[in-house]
PDB file of N, CA and C in Angstrom:
ATOM      1  N   MET A   1      69.185  65.530 -15.412  1.00  0.00           N
ATOM      2  CA  MET A   1      70.039  65.596 -14.188  1.00  0.00           C
ATOM      3  C   MET A   1      68.754  66.007 -12.763  1.00  0.00           C
ATOM      4  N   SER A   2      69.839  64.375 -12.387  1.00  0.00           N
ATOM      5  CA  SER A   2      69.996  65.088 -10.813  1.00  0.00           C
ATOM      6  C   SER A   2      70.924  66.478 -10.322  1.00  0.00           C
ATOM      7  N   GLN A   3      70.728  66.817  -8.659  1.00  0.00           N
ATOM      8  CA  GLN A   3      71.189  67.688  -9.019  1.00  0.00           C
ATOM      9  C   GLN A   3      72.909  66.753  -7.809  1.00  0.00           C
ATOM     10  N   ALA A   4      73.185  65.587  -7.974  1.00  0.00           N
ATOM     11  CA  ALA A   4      73.953  65.052  -7.507  1.00  0.00           C
ATOM     12  C   ALA A   4      74.490  64.137  -8.686  1.00  0.00           C
ATOM     13  N   LYS A   5      74.066  64.307 -10.071  1.00  0.00           N
ATOM     14  CA  LYS A   5      75.022  63.949 -10.917  1.00  0.00           C
ATOM     15  C   LYS A   5      75.701  65.123 -10.912  1.00  0.00           C
ATOM     16  N   VAL A   6      74.792  65.898 -11.333  1.00  0.00           N
ATOM     17  CA  VAL A   6      75.799  67.482 -11.711  1.00  0.00           C
ATOM     18  C   VAL A   6      77.230  68.355 -11.170  1.00  0.00           C
ATOM     19  N   ASP A   7      76.589  67.478  -9.928  1.00  0.00           N
ATOM     20  CA  ASP A   7      77.723  68.910  -8.711  1.00  0.00           C
ATOM     21  C   ASP A   7      79.301  66.993  -9.399  1.00  0.00           C
ATOM     22  N   ARG A   8      78.511  65.654  -9.913  1.00  0.00           N
ATOM     23  CA  ARG A   8      80.304  64.895  -9.719  1.00  0.00           C
ATOM     24  C   ARG A   8      80.927  65.573 -10.706  1.00  0.00           C
ATOM     25  N   TYR A   9      79.750  65.898 -11.690  1.00  0.00           N
ATOM     26  CA  TYR A   9      80.379  66.727 -13.041  1.00  0.00           C
ATOM     27  C   TYR A   9      80.874  68.076 -12.619  1.00  0.00           C
ATOM     28  N   LYS A  10      80.950  69.052 -11.886  1.00  0.00           N
ATOM     29  CA  LYS A  10      81.547  69.470 -12.073  1.00  0.00           C
ATOM     30  C   LYS A  10      83.245  69.525 -11.486  1.00  0.00           C
ATOM     31  N   LYS A  11      82.542  68.226 -10.555  1.00  0.00           N
ATOM     32  CA  LYS A  11      83.525  67.905  -9.859  1.00  0.00           C
ATOM     33  C   LYS A  11      85.174  67.412 -10.601  1.00  0.00           C
ATOM     34  N   GLU A  12      84.473  66.617 -11.471  1.00  0.00           N
ATOM     35  CA  GLU A  12      85.206  65.747 -12.960  1.00  0.00           C
ATOM     36  C   GLU A  12      85.479  66.620 -14.235  1.00  0.00           C
ATOM     37  N   LYS A  13      85.209  67.938 -13.178  1.00  0.00           N
ATOM     38  CA  LYS A  13      85.602  69.389 -15.000  1.00  0.00           C
ATOM     39  C   LYS A  13      86.515  69.465 -13.710  1.00  0.00           C
ATOM     40  N   ALA A  14      86.182  69.722 -12.914  1.00  0.00           N
ATOM     41  CA  ALA A  14      87.608  70.814 -11.951  1.00  0.00           C
ATOM     42  C   ALA A  14      89.019  70.293 -11.721  1.00  0.00           C
ATOM     43  N   ASP A  15      88.533  68.375 -10.760  1.00  0.00           N
ATOM     44  CA  ASP A  15      89.468  67.897 -11.408  1.00  0.00           C
ATOM     45  C   ASP A  15      90.658  67.360 -12.912  1.00  0.00           C
ATOM     46  N   ARG A  16      90.066  67.899 -13.959  1.00  0.00           N
ATOM     47  CA  ARG A  16      90.532  66.486 -15.041  1.00  0.00           C
ATOM     48  C   ARG A  16      91.881  67.473 -15.452  1.00  0.00           C
ATOM     49  N   LYS A  17      92.098  68.510 -15.197  1.00  0.00           N
ATOM     50  CA  LYS A  17      94.012  68.911 -15.467  1.00  0.00           C
ATOM     51  C   LYS A  17      94.334  67.592 -14.813  1.00  0.00           C
ATOM     52  N   LYS A  18      95.132  67.508 -13.371  1.00  0.00           N
ATOM     53  CA  LYS A  18      95.413  66.705 -12.283  1.00  0.00           C
ATOM     54  C   LYS A  18      94.625  65.058 -13.283  1.00  0.00           C
ATOM     55  N   THR A  19      94.054  65.009 -13.185  1.00  0.00           N
ATOM     56  CA  THR A  19      93.703  63.489 -14.189  1.00  0.00           C
ATOM     57  C   THR A  19      94.366  63.291 -14.963  1.00  0.00           C
ATOM     58  N   MET A  20      93.978  63.551 -15.675  1.00  0.00           N
ATOM     59  CA  MET A  20      95.317  63.724 -17.278  1.00  0.00           C
ATOM     60  C   MET A  20      96.024  62.987 -17.480  1.00  0.00           C
ATOM     61  N   ARG A  21      97.037  64.351 -15.957  1.00  0.00           N
ATOM     62  CA  ARG A  21      98.261  64.414 -15.502  1.00  0.00           C
ATOM     63  C   ARG A  21      98.653  62.942 -15.352  1.00  0.00           C
ATOM     64  N   LYS A  22      97.945  61.919 -14.376  1.00  0.00           N
ATOM     65  CA  LYS A  22      98.235  60.920 -13.413  1.00  0.00           C
ATOM     66  C   LYS A  22      97.569  60.012 -14.723  1.00  0.00           C
ATOM     67  N   GLU A  23      97.290  60.512 -15.883  1.00  0.00           N
ATOM     68  CA  GLU A  23      96.830  59.550 -16.972  1.00  0.00           C
ATOM     69  C   GLU A  23      97.983  58.880 -17.896  1.00  0.00           C
ATOM     70  N   LYS A  24      98.292  60.968 -18.056  1.00  0.00           N
ATOM     71  CA  LYS A  24      99.772  61.080 -18.968  1.00  0.00           C
ATOM     72  C   LYS A  24     101.204  60.254 -17.830  1.00  0.00           C
ATOM     73  N   ILE A  25     100.849  60.493 -17.054  1.00  0.00           N
ATOM     74  CA  ILE A  25     102.058  59.512 -16.051  1.00  0.00           C
ATOM     75  C   ILE A  25     102.346  58.288 -16.020  1.00  0.00           C
ATOM     76  N   MET A  26     100.833  57.551 -16.199  1.00  0.00           N
ATOM     77  CA  MET A  26     101.482  56.204 -16.482  1.00  0.00           C
ATOM     78  C   MET A  26     101.402  55.545 -17.275  1.00  0.00           C
ATOM     79  N   ARG A  27     100.599  56.279 -18.178  1.00  0.00           N
ATOM     80  CA  ARG A  27     101.182  55.915 -19.711  1.00  0.00           C
ATOM     81  C   ARG A  27     102.295  55.697 -20.046  1.00  0.00           C
ATOM     82  N   ASN A  28     102.878  56.967 -19.547  1.00  0.00           N
ATOM     83  CA  ASN A  28     104.876  57.351 -19.458  1.00  0.00           C
ATOM     84  C   ASN A  28     105.038  55.925 -19.529  1.00  0.00           C
ATOM     85  N   VAL A  29     105.159  55.429 -18.010  1.00  0.00           N
ATOM     86  CA  VAL A  29     105.725  54.685 -16.852  1.00  0.00           C
ATOM     87  C   VAL A  29     105.545  53.231 -17.550  1.00  0.00           C
ATOM     88  N   LYS A  30     104.368  52.211 -18.945  1.00  0.00           N
ATOM     89  CA  LYS A  30     104.013  51.554 -18.981  1.00  0.00           C
ATOM     90  C   LYS A  30     105.109  51.596 -19.866  1.00  0.00           C
ATOM     91  N   ARG A  31     105.137  52.458 -20.507  1.00  0.00           N
ATOM     92  CA  ARG A  31     105.769  52.607 -22.208  1.00  0.00           C
ATOM     93  C   ARG A  31     107.654  52.110 -21.497  1.00  0.00           C
ATOM     94  N   CYS A  32     108.053  52.780 -20.660  1.00  0.00           N
ATOM     95  CA  CYS A  32     109.160  52.433 -20.024  1.00  0.00           C
ATOM     96  C   CYS A  32     108.745  50.827 -19.371  1.00  0.00           C
ATOM     97  N   VAL A  33     108.199  50.414 -19.150  1.00  0.00           N
ATOM     98  CA  VAL A  33     109.082  49.311 -18.278  1.00  0.00           C
ATOM     99  C   VAL A  33     108.040  48.362 -20.103  1.00  0.00           C
ATOM    100  N   ALA A  34     107.554  49.126 -20.995  1.00  0.00           N
ATOM    101  CA  ALA A  34     107.724  47.569 -22.055  1.00  0.00           C
ATOM    102  C   ALA A  34     108.504  47.907 -22.546  1.00  0.00           C
ATOM    103  N   GLY A  35     108.876  48.723 -21.932  1.00  0.00           N
ATOM    104  CA  GLY A  35     110.755  49.450 -23.438  1.00  0.00           C
ATOM    105  C   GLY A  35     111.539  48.518 -22.353  1.00  0.00           C
ATOM    106  N   VAL A  36     111.864  48.185 -21.412  1.00  0.00           N
ATOM    107  CA  VAL A  36     112.453  47.863 -20.617  1.00  0.00           C
ATOM    108  C   VAL A  36     112.743  46.572 -20.564  1.00  0.00           C
ATOM    109  N   ILE A  37     111.305  45.435 -20.876  1.00  0.00           N
ATOM    110  CA  ILE A  37     110.754  44.261 -20.879  1.00  0.00           C
ATOM    111  C   ILE A  37     111.035  43.556 -22.450  1.00  0.00           C
ATOM    112  N   ALA A  38     110.820  44.053 -23.469  1.00  0.00           N
ATOM    113  CA  ALA A  38     111.336  44.121 -25.078  1.00  0.00           C
ATOM    114  C   ALA A  38     112.390  43.953 -24.907  1.00  0.00           C
ATOM    115  N   LEU A  39     113.188  45.347 -24.582  1.00  0.00           N
ATOM    116  CA  LEU A  39     115.114  44.759 -24.147  1.00  0.00           C
ATOM    117  C   LEU A  39     115.688  43.609 -23.782  1.00  0.00           C
ATOM    118  N   ALA A  40     114.846  43.941 -22.338  1.00  0.00           N
ATOM    119  CA  ALA A  40     115.688  42.701 -21.718  1.00  0.00           C
ATOM    120  C   ALA A  40     115.052  40.534 -22.618  1.00  0.00           C
ATOM    121  N   ILE A  41     114.463  41.146 -23.121  1.00  0.00           N
ATOM    122  CA  ILE A  41     113.637  39.973 -23.887  1.00  0.00           C
ATOM    123  C   ILE A  41     114.814  39.753 -24.616  1.00  0.00           C
ATOM    124  N   VAL A  42     114.780  40.704 -25.343  1.00  0.00           N
ATOM    125  CA  VAL A  42     115.810  40.771 -27.316  1.00  0.00           C
ATOM    126  C   VAL A  42     117.115  40.684 -26.946  1.00  0.00           C
ATOM    127  N   GLY A  43     118.106  40.815 -25.549  1.00  0.00           N
ATOM    128  CA  GLY A  43     118.893  41.215 -24.977  1.00  0.00           C
ATOM    129  C   GLY A  43     118.937  39.621 -24.457  1.00  0.00           C
ATOM    130  N   TRP A  44     118.171  38.832 -23.660  1.00  0.00           N
ATOM    131  CA  TRP A  44     118.291  36.873 -23.480  1.00  0.00           C
ATOM    132  C   TRP A  44     118.046  36.001 -24.903  1.00  0.00           C
ATOM    133  N   PHE A  45     117.095  36.953 -26.226  1.00  0.00           N
ATOM    134  CA  PHE A  45     117.427  35.652 -26.853  1.00  0.00           C
ATOM    135  C   PHE A  45     118.620  35.802 -28.049  1.00  0.00           C
ATOM    136  N   GLY A  46     119.225  37.174 -28.111  1.00  0.00           N
ATOM    137  CA  GLY A  46     120.899  37.057 -28.137  1.00  0.00           C
ATOM    138  C   GLY A  46     121.690  36.429 -27.699  1.00  0.00           C
ATOM    139  N   TYR A  47     122.172  36.495 -25.798  1.00  0.00           N
ATOM    140  CA  TYR A  47     122.620  36.236 -25.544  1.00  0.00           C
ATOM    141  C   TYR A  47     122.773  34.449 -26.113  1.00  0.00           C
ATOM    142  N   SER A  48     121.095  33.808 -25.786  1.00  0.00           N
ATOM    143  CA  SER A  48     121.519  31.979 -25.525  1.00  0.00           C
ATOM    144  C   SER A  48     122.016  32.211 -27.205  1.00  0.00           C
ATOM    145  N   ALA A  49     121.206  32.974 -28.563  1.00  0.00           N
ATOM    146  CA  ALA A  49     121.893  31.856 -29.740  1.00  0.00           C
ATOM    147  C   ALA A  49     122.906  32.496 -29.943  1.00  0.00           C
ATOM    148  N   TYR A  50     123.869  33.485 -29.093  1.00  0.00           N
ATOM    149  CA  TYR A  50     125.015  33.883 -29.540  1.00  0.00           C
ATOM    150  C   TYR A  50     125.857  32.839 -28.484  1.00  0.00           C
ATOM    151  N   ASP A  51     125.633  32.080 -27.779  1.00  0.00           N
ATOM    152  CA  ASP A  51     125.806  31.182 -26.262  1.00  0.00           C
ATOM    153  C   ASP A  51     125.627  29.402 -27.434  1.00  0.00           C
ATOM    154  N   LEU A  52     124.589  29.625 -27.634  1.00  0.00           N
ATOM    155  CA  LEU A  52     124.098  28.238 -28.807  1.00  0.00           C
ATOM    156  C   LEU A  52     125.312  28.264 -30.122  1.00  0.00           C
ATOM    157  N   HIS A  53     126.036  28.857 -30.431  1.00  0.00           N
ATOM    158  CA  HIS A  53     126.862  29.117 -31.821  1.00  0.00           C
ATOM    159  C   HIS A  53     128.184  29.138 -30.646  1.00  0.00           C
ATOM    160  N   SER A  54     127.955  29.749 -30.144  1.00  0.00           N
ATOM    161  CA  SER A  54     130.315  29.253 -29.386  1.00  0.00           C
ATOM    162  C   SER A  54     129.611  27.660 -29.162  1.00  0.00           C
ATOM    163  N   SER A  55     128.742  27.437 -28.459  1.00  0.00           N
ATOM    164  CA  SER A  55     128.920  26.020 -27.864  1.00  0.00           C
ATOM    165  C   SER A  55     129.508  24.516 -29.152  1.00  0.00           C
ATOM    166  N   ASN A  56     129.250  25.779 -30.240  1.00  0.00           N
ATOM    167  CA  ASN A  56     128.713  24.402 -30.948  1.00  0.00           C
ATOM    168  C   ASN A  56     130.006  24.819 -32.343  1.00  0.00           C
ATOM    169  N   GLN A  57     130.273  25.146 -31.793  1.00  0.00           N
ATOM    170  CA  GLN A  57     132.523  25.635 -32.606  1.00  0.00           C
ATOM    171  C   GLN A  57     133.135  24.482 -32.001  1.00  0.00           C
ATOM    172  N   GLU A  58     134.405  23.589 -32.832  1.00  0.00           N
ATOM    173  CA  GLU A  58     135.163  23.361 -32.404  1.00  0.00           C
ATOM    174  C   GLU A  58     136.057  24.382 -31.147  1.00  0.00           C
ATOM    175  N   ARG A  59     136.313  23.674 -30.229  1.00  0.00           N
ATOM    176  CA  ARG A  59     137.476  24.079 -29.220  1.00  0.00           C
ATOM    177  C   ARG A  59     138.528  24.102 -28.989  1.00  0.00           C
ATOM    178  N   ALA A  60     139.601  24.836 -28.824  1.00  0.00           N
ATOM    179  CA  ALA A  60     141.519  24.630 -29.282  1.00  0.00           C
ATOM    180  C   ALA A  60     141.884  24.274 -27.936  1.00  0.00           C
ATOM    181  N   VAL A  61     142.217  22.060 -28.063  1.00  0.00           N
ATOM    182  CA  VAL A  61     143.180  21.703 -26.408  1.00  0.00           C
ATOM    183  C   VAL A  61     144.319  22.114 -26.623  1.00  0.00           C
ATOM    184  N   ALA A  62     144.371  22.036 -25.830  1.00  0.00           N
ATOM    185  CA  ALA A  62     146.143  22.371 -25.535  1.00  0.00           C
ATOM    186  C   ALA A  62     146.229  20.640 -24.227  1.00  0.00           C
ATOM    187  N   GLU A  63     147.960  20.883 -24.528  1.00  0.00           N
ATOM    188  CA  GLU A  63     148.379  19.500 -24.894  1.00  0.00           C
ATOM    189  C   GLU A  63     149.448  19.730 -23.605  1.00  0.00           C
ATOM    190  N   VAL A  64     149.344  19.330 -22.396  1.00  0.00           N
ATOM    191  CA  VAL A  64     151.005  19.969 -21.641  1.00  0.00           C
ATOM    192  C   VAL A  64     151.627  18.566 -21.320  1.00  0.00           C
ATOM    193  N   ASN A  65     153.378  18.823 -21.767  1.00  0.00           N
ATOM    194  CA  ASN A  65     154.162  18.091 -21.308  1.00  0.00           C
ATOM    195  C   ASN A  65     155.115  17.418 -20.728  1.00  0.00           C
ATOM    196  N   TYR A  66     154.237  16.622 -19.783  1.00  0.00           N
ATOM    197  CA  TYR A  66     155.197  16.721 -18.373  1.00  0.00           C
ATOM    198  C   TYR A  66     156.408  16.302 -18.241  1.00  0.00           C
ATOM    199  N   ASP A  67     157.471  15.981 -19.673  1.00  0.00           N
ATOM    200  CA  ASP A  67     158.394  15.069 -19.961  1.00  0.00           C
ATOM    201  C   ASP A  67     159.671  15.705 -18.826  1.00  0.00           C
ATOM    202  N   SER A  68     159.989  17.407 -18.792  1.00  0.00           N
ATOM    203  CA  SER A  68     160.715  17.794 -18.277  1.00  0.00           C
ATOM    204  C   SER A  68     160.416  17.524 -16.694  1.00  0.00           C
ATOM    205  N   VAL A  69     158.807  17.944 -15.641  1.00  0.00           N
ATOM    206  CA  VAL A  69     158.826  18.213 -15.151  1.00  0.00           C
ATOM    207  C   VAL A  69     159.236  15.973 -14.398  1.00  0.00           C
ATOM    208  N   LYS A  70     158.882  15.241 -14.705  1.00  0.00           N
ATOM    209  CA  LYS A  70     159.319  13.941 -14.817  1.00  0.00           C
ATOM    210  C   LYS A  70     161.025  14.108 -14.185  1.00  0.00           C
ATOM    211  N   ASN A  71     161.434  14.366 -15.437  1.00  0.00           N
ATOM    212  CA  ASN A  71     163.415  14.558 -15.176  1.00  0.00           C
ATOM    213  C   ASN A  71     163.545  15.438 -13.975  1.00  0.00           C
ATOM    214  N   TYR A  72     163.310  16.709 -13.433  1.00  0.00           N
ATOM    215  CA  TYR A  72     163.086  17.109 -12.755  1.00  0.00           C
ATOM    216  C   TYR A  72     163.361  16.280 -11.662  1.00  0.00           C
ATOM    217  N   LEU A  73     162.240  16.149 -11.640  1.00  0.00           N
ATOM    218  CA  LEU A  73     162.323  14.750 -10.137  1.00  0.00           C
ATOM    219  C   LEU A  73     162.634  13.090 -10.234  1.00  0.00           C
ATOM    220  N   SER A  74     162.727  13.060 -11.387  1.00  0.00           N
ATOM    221  CA  SER A  74     163.786  11.660 -10.772  1.00  0.00           C
ATOM    222  C   SER A  74     165.236  12.074 -10.226  1.00  0.00           C
ATOM    223  N   THR A  75     165.517  13.267 -11.114  1.00  0.00           N
ATOM    224  CA  THR A  75     167.207  14.258 -10.018  1.00  0.00           C
ATOM    225  C   THR A  75     166.604  14.221  -8.733  1.00  0.00           C
ATOM    226  N   LEU A  76     165.529  14.664  -8.337  1.00  0.00           N
ATOM    227  CA  LEU A  76     165.701  14.848  -6.976  1.00  0.00           C
ATOM    228  C   LEU A  76     165.590  13.635  -5.705  1.00  0.00           C
ATOM    229  N   SER A  77     165.024  12.337  -7.044  1.00  0.00           N
ATOM    230  CA  SER A  77     165.333  11.734  -5.599  1.00  0.00           C
ATOM    231  C   SER A  77     166.420  10.954  -5.905  1.00  0.00           C
ATOM    232  N   ALA A  78     167.453  10.950  -6.913  1.00  0.00           N
ATOM    233  CA  ALA A  78     168.287   9.584  -7.340  1.00  0.00           C
ATOM    234  C   ALA A  78     168.920  10.622  -5.992  1.00  0.00           C
ATOM    235  N   GLU A  79     168.575  11.253  -5.814  1.00  0.00           N
ATOM    236  CA  GLU A  79     170.111  11.751  -5.086  1.00  0.00           C
ATOM    237  C   GLU A  79     170.447  11.758  -3.186  1.00  0.00           C
TER     238      GLU A  79
END
């Protein structure tokens, strides 16, 4: 081994704890990001399925009878 390789090995060995801590933090960050992305995808699929299901169902229709309004307006205009 050359002296440069030996010096590089000693420096890497001295910084090994710091390097391992950084790698551990990055690994945990990647797992968290992957979990959030997976949760977003599952939520989006669930919402899409619910929306598709609710759009296929029959909707209640409300009918309004305007006869009383017409009668009231006709009594106003008659006076």
